[in-house]
Protein backbone atom coordinates (compact mmCIF):
# COMPACT_ATOMS: atom_id res chain seq x y z
CA MET A 1 -0.20 0.12 -0.14
CA LYS A 2 1.18 3.71 -0.54
CA LEU A 3 -0.02 6.88 0.93
CA ILE A 4 0.99 10.40 0.25
CA CYS A 5 1.04 12.76 3.57
CA ALA A 6 2.59 16.04 4.29
CA ALA A 7 4.41 14.83 7.63
CA ILE A 8 4.97 12.21 9.72
CA LEU A 9 3.43 12.13 13.31
CA PHE A 10 5.28 9.01 15.25
CA ASP A 11 4.66 7.71 18.65
CA MET A 12 7.49 6.57 20.81
CA ASP A 13 7.62 3.86 22.85
CA GLY A 14 6.63 0.31 21.00
CA VAL A 15 7.18 2.31 17.19
CA LEU A 16 10.64 4.22 17.65
CA VAL A 17 11.77 2.29 21.00
CA ASP A 18 11.23 -0.98 22.46
CA SER A 19 10.91 0.21 26.15
CA GLY A 20 7.70 -2.72 26.76
CA ARG A 21 9.62 -5.18 29.15
CA LEU A 22 10.90 -2.20 31.40
CA ALA A 23 7.35 -0.82 31.26
CA GLU A 24 6.31 -4.10 32.70
CA LYS A 25 8.64 -4.55 34.79
CA HIS A 26 8.04 -0.79 36.71
CA TRP A 27 4.05 -1.52 36.14
CA ARG A 28 3.82 -5.05 37.82
CA SER A 29 6.51 -3.22 40.99
CA TRP A 30 3.89 -0.52 41.63
CA ALA A 31 0.80 -2.84 41.15
CA LYS A 32 2.66 -5.25 43.95
CA ILE A 33 2.30 -2.42 46.03
CA HIS A 34 -0.88 -1.39 45.36
CA ASN A 35 -1.88 -5.17 46.05
CA ILE A 36 -3.60 -3.99 42.31
CA PRO A 37 -3.84 -7.44 39.89
CA PHE A 38 -1.14 -6.57 37.23
CA GLU A 39 -4.35 -7.90 34.35
CA ARG A 40 -6.17 -4.91 35.02
CA ILE A 41 -2.73 -2.75 34.24
CA ALA A 42 -2.13 -4.38 31.55
CA ALA A 43 -5.60 -4.31 29.93
CA VAL A 44 -5.21 -0.12 29.41
CA HIS A 45 -1.77 1.53 30.21
CA HIS A 46 -0.61 1.05 26.82
CA GLY A 47 -0.09 4.32 25.27
CA ARG A 48 -1.82 6.30 28.23
CA PRO A 49 -0.32 8.73 30.79
CA SER A 50 0.27 6.95 33.76
CA ILE A 51 -1.72 9.83 35.33
CA GLU A 52 -4.61 8.59 33.14
CA THR A 53 -3.85 4.67 33.97
CA VAL A 54 -3.56 5.08 37.89
CA ARG A 55 -6.87 6.38 37.78
CA LEU A 56 -8.57 3.85 35.50
CA VAL A 57 -7.18 1.05 37.74
CA ALA A 58 -7.11 2.55 40.83
CA PRO A 59 -9.32 5.41 41.33
CA HIS A 60 -9.02 5.17 45.01
CA LEU A 61 -5.49 6.43 45.04
CA ASP A 62 -4.17 10.26 44.01
CA ALA A 63 -3.13 9.46 40.85
CA GLU A 64 -1.60 13.79 40.77
CA ILE A 65 0.80 11.75 43.59
CA GLU A 66 1.04 8.29 41.97
CA GLY A 67 0.91 8.47 38.20
CA PRO A 68 4.56 10.76 38.54
CA LYS A 69 6.06 8.73 41.23
CA ARG A 70 5.66 5.37 39.35
CA GLU A 71 7.19 7.56 36.10
CA ALA A 72 9.86 8.77 37.39
CA ALA A 73 10.89 5.12 38.62
CA GLU A 74 10.36 4.24 35.01
CA ALA A 75 12.02 6.89 33.32
CA ALA A 76 15.62 6.78 35.72
CA ASP A 77 15.65 3.29 34.13
CA THR A 78 17.25 2.60 30.87
CA ASP A 79 17.65 -1.27 31.24
CA GLY A 80 17.24 -3.06 27.88
CA LEU A 81 15.86 -0.21 26.05
CA VAL A 82 16.72 -0.50 21.88
CA ALA A 83 15.44 1.46 18.85
CA ILE A 84 12.78 -0.52 16.73
CA LYS A 85 14.39 -1.60 14.08
CA GLY A 86 14.08 0.39 11.12
CA ALA A 87 13.62 3.49 12.82
CA LYS A 88 17.10 5.09 12.94
CA GLU A 89 16.62 4.42 8.90
CA LEU A 90 13.36 6.13 8.30
CA LEU A 91 13.88 8.86 10.67
CA GLY A 92 17.24 10.02 8.82
CA ARG A 93 15.29 9.69 5.58
CA ILE A 94 12.63 12.02 6.91
CA PRO A 95 13.57 15.91 6.29
CA PRO A 96 13.29 17.29 9.91
CA ASN A 97 10.29 19.70 9.55
CA ARG A 98 8.22 17.23 8.62
CA TRP A 99 7.87 14.74 11.53
CA ALA A 100 7.27 14.58 14.87
CA VAL A 101 7.12 12.19 18.02
CA VAL A 102 4.19 12.77 19.92
CA THR A 103 4.00 10.24 23.71
CA SER A 104 2.50 9.83 26.61
CA SER A 105 5.72 10.34 28.56
CA ARG A 106 7.07 13.54 30.05
CA LYS A 107 9.70 15.58 27.73
CA ALA A 108 12.94 14.41 29.84
CA THR A 109 12.33 10.82 29.40
CA ALA A 110 11.26 11.04 25.53
CA ILE A 111 15.07 12.73 25.45
CA LYS A 112 16.72 10.40 27.59
CA ARG A 113 14.98 7.19 25.70
CA MET A 114 15.80 8.48 22.17
CA THR A 115 19.17 9.56 23.28
CA TYR A 116 20.22 6.29 25.06
CA VAL A 117 19.03 4.31 21.58
CA GLY A 118 21.08 6.36 19.11
CA LEU A 119 18.15 7.78 17.79
CA PRO A 120 17.71 11.62 16.18
CA LEU A 121 15.72 13.78 18.53
CA PRO A 122 12.86 15.65 16.65
CA ARG A 123 12.61 19.66 16.36
CA VAL A 124 8.79 19.24 17.35
CA LEU A 125 8.11 16.18 20.57
CA VAL A 126 4.86 16.68 22.38
CA THR A 127 4.73 15.21 25.45
CA SER A 128 2.21 14.71 28.34
CA GLU A 129 3.63 17.94 29.53
CA ASP A 130 2.49 20.17 26.24
CA VAL A 131 -1.71 18.91 26.40
CA VAL A 132 -4.62 19.07 28.41
CA SER A 133 -6.01 15.98 27.36
CA GLY A 134 -3.88 12.71 26.99
CA LYS A 135 -4.25 10.12 24.26
CA PRO A 136 -6.77 8.71 23.11
CA SER A 137 -7.86 12.42 23.23
CA PRO A 138 -6.96 13.95 19.70
CA GLU A 139 -5.43 16.98 21.30
CA PRO A 140 -1.68 15.21 21.19
CA TYR A 141 -1.40 14.60 16.96
CA ARG A 142 -2.98 17.62 16.41
CA ARG A 143 -0.64 19.59 18.26
CA ALA A 144 2.08 18.07 16.38
CA ALA A 145 0.40 18.95 13.49
CA GLU A 146 -0.04 22.59 13.96
CA LEU A 147 3.66 22.58 15.49
CA LEU A 148 4.83 21.41 12.24
CA GLU A 149 2.39 23.73 10.30
CA PHE A 150 0.13 20.98 8.58
CA GLY A 151 -3.48 20.07 9.15
CA SER A 152 -4.13 16.93 10.74
CA ALA A 153 -5.95 15.44 7.94
CA GLN A 154 -1.82 15.87 6.06
CA CYS A 155 -0.47 13.39 8.17
CA LEU A 156 0.64 10.02 8.64
CA VAL A 157 0.23 8.77 12.39
CA ILE A 158 2.24 6.09 13.30
CA GLU A 159 1.26 4.02 16.23
CA ASP A 160 1.05 1.03 18.24
CA ALA A 161 -0.94 1.36 21.08
CA PRO A 162 -4.87 1.57 20.48
CA SER A 163 -5.11 4.32 22.40
CA GLY A 164 -2.60 5.93 20.12
CA ILE A 165 -4.38 4.77 17.26
CA GLU A 166 -7.68 5.89 18.69
CA SER A 167 -6.31 9.76 19.14
CA GLY A 168 -4.54 9.75 15.87
CA ARG A 169 -8.06 8.94 13.81
CA ALA A 170 -9.39 11.46 16.01
CA ALA A 171 -7.59 14.04 15.03
CA GLY A 172 -8.17 13.44 11.51
CA ALA A 173 -4.99 11.67 10.31
CA ARG A 174 -4.65 8.44 8.71
CA VAL A 175 -2.95 5.66 10.76
CA ILE A 176 -0.91 3.06 10.11
CA ALA A 177 -1.07 0.32 13.16
CA ILE A 178 2.18 -1.53 14.61
CA ALA A 179 0.04 -4.91 15.95
CA SER A 180 -0.01 -8.34 15.33
CA THR A 181 -3.76 -8.19 14.37
CA SER A 182 -5.31 -5.79 12.27
CA HIS A 183 -7.05 -2.87 14.07
CA LYS A 184 -10.44 -1.14 13.24
CA LEU A 185 -9.53 2.24 13.04
CA ALA A 186 -6.33 2.13 11.14
CA THR A 187 -6.06 2.50 7.91
CA VAL A 188 -3.64 -0.05 7.72
CA THR A 189 -1.97 -2.23 9.96
CA THR A 190 1.66 -4.36 9.43
CA SER A 191 3.27 -6.16 12.01
CA CYS A 192 6.83 -3.84 12.33
CA LEU A 193 7.86 -0.53 11.48
CA ALA A 194 10.86 -2.02 9.28
CA ASN A 195 7.84 -2.75 6.67
CA ILE A 196 7.55 0.67 6.56
CA ALA A 197 9.39 3.00 4.28
CA LEU A 198 9.88 6.31 2.59
CA THR A 199 9.54 5.75 -1.30
CA HIS A 200 9.50 9.33 -2.87
CA LEU A 201 10.08 12.81 -1.73
CA SER A 202 9.01 16.25 -3.07
CA SER A 203 8.10 19.34 -2.02
CA ASP A 204 4.22 18.37 -2.09
CA GLY A 205 4.96 15.67 0.14
CA MET A 206 5.91 12.10 0.97
CA GLU A 207 4.98 9.02 -0.32
CA ILE A 208 5.49 5.74 2.13
CA SER A 209 4.69 2.61 1.67
CA VAL A 210 3.91 -0.25 3.37
CA ALA A 211 5.38 -3.28 2.40
CA GLU A 212 4.04 -6.95 2.79
CA PRO A 213 3.42 -8.70 5.52
CA ALA A 214 1.03 -6.14 6.48
CA LEU A 215 -2.32 -7.65 7.89
């Protein structure tokens, strides 16, 4: 499949940076401390700010305290972080004014992770500190498009989390989902970032190819 866009808006964790094992380790630790089944957390945390996850799974706790505390513990840890296969190559081909990173992490965490795994830092970085409502709200992706000076409908979002896919679609963008099964809201679903390539670049936009195996 080929898609034409003006800019690409990337999620970070799970799309550019493999942080899955690290996130699970720290969520399991937090769950044990508060006697909350990890399965409840695993069902909702991916792609959401920590504060929002705490509100969903533990409404009896103060999310404004617990969310940042849990995230700070994870942010200080880089054990097992690696760049997703194909991330460095794809980012290296896209002009700096035509891509952004949109993450539910805090700014310091995002910069630390991108730097640690050897990926270039974006000119536009939208984090949980830059928006009132995080994913699945459309605000994060709309904000990134505005900062790049494009309309959301001109942009292509690359996401791996259901909340992020929903956010991108609600913003009016087309979405490539990185997932093991097709997602009903995604424009196209593919199994890994390495299947996505920039095949043509001009002043009018970019042609993006999603190679097989697409789901």
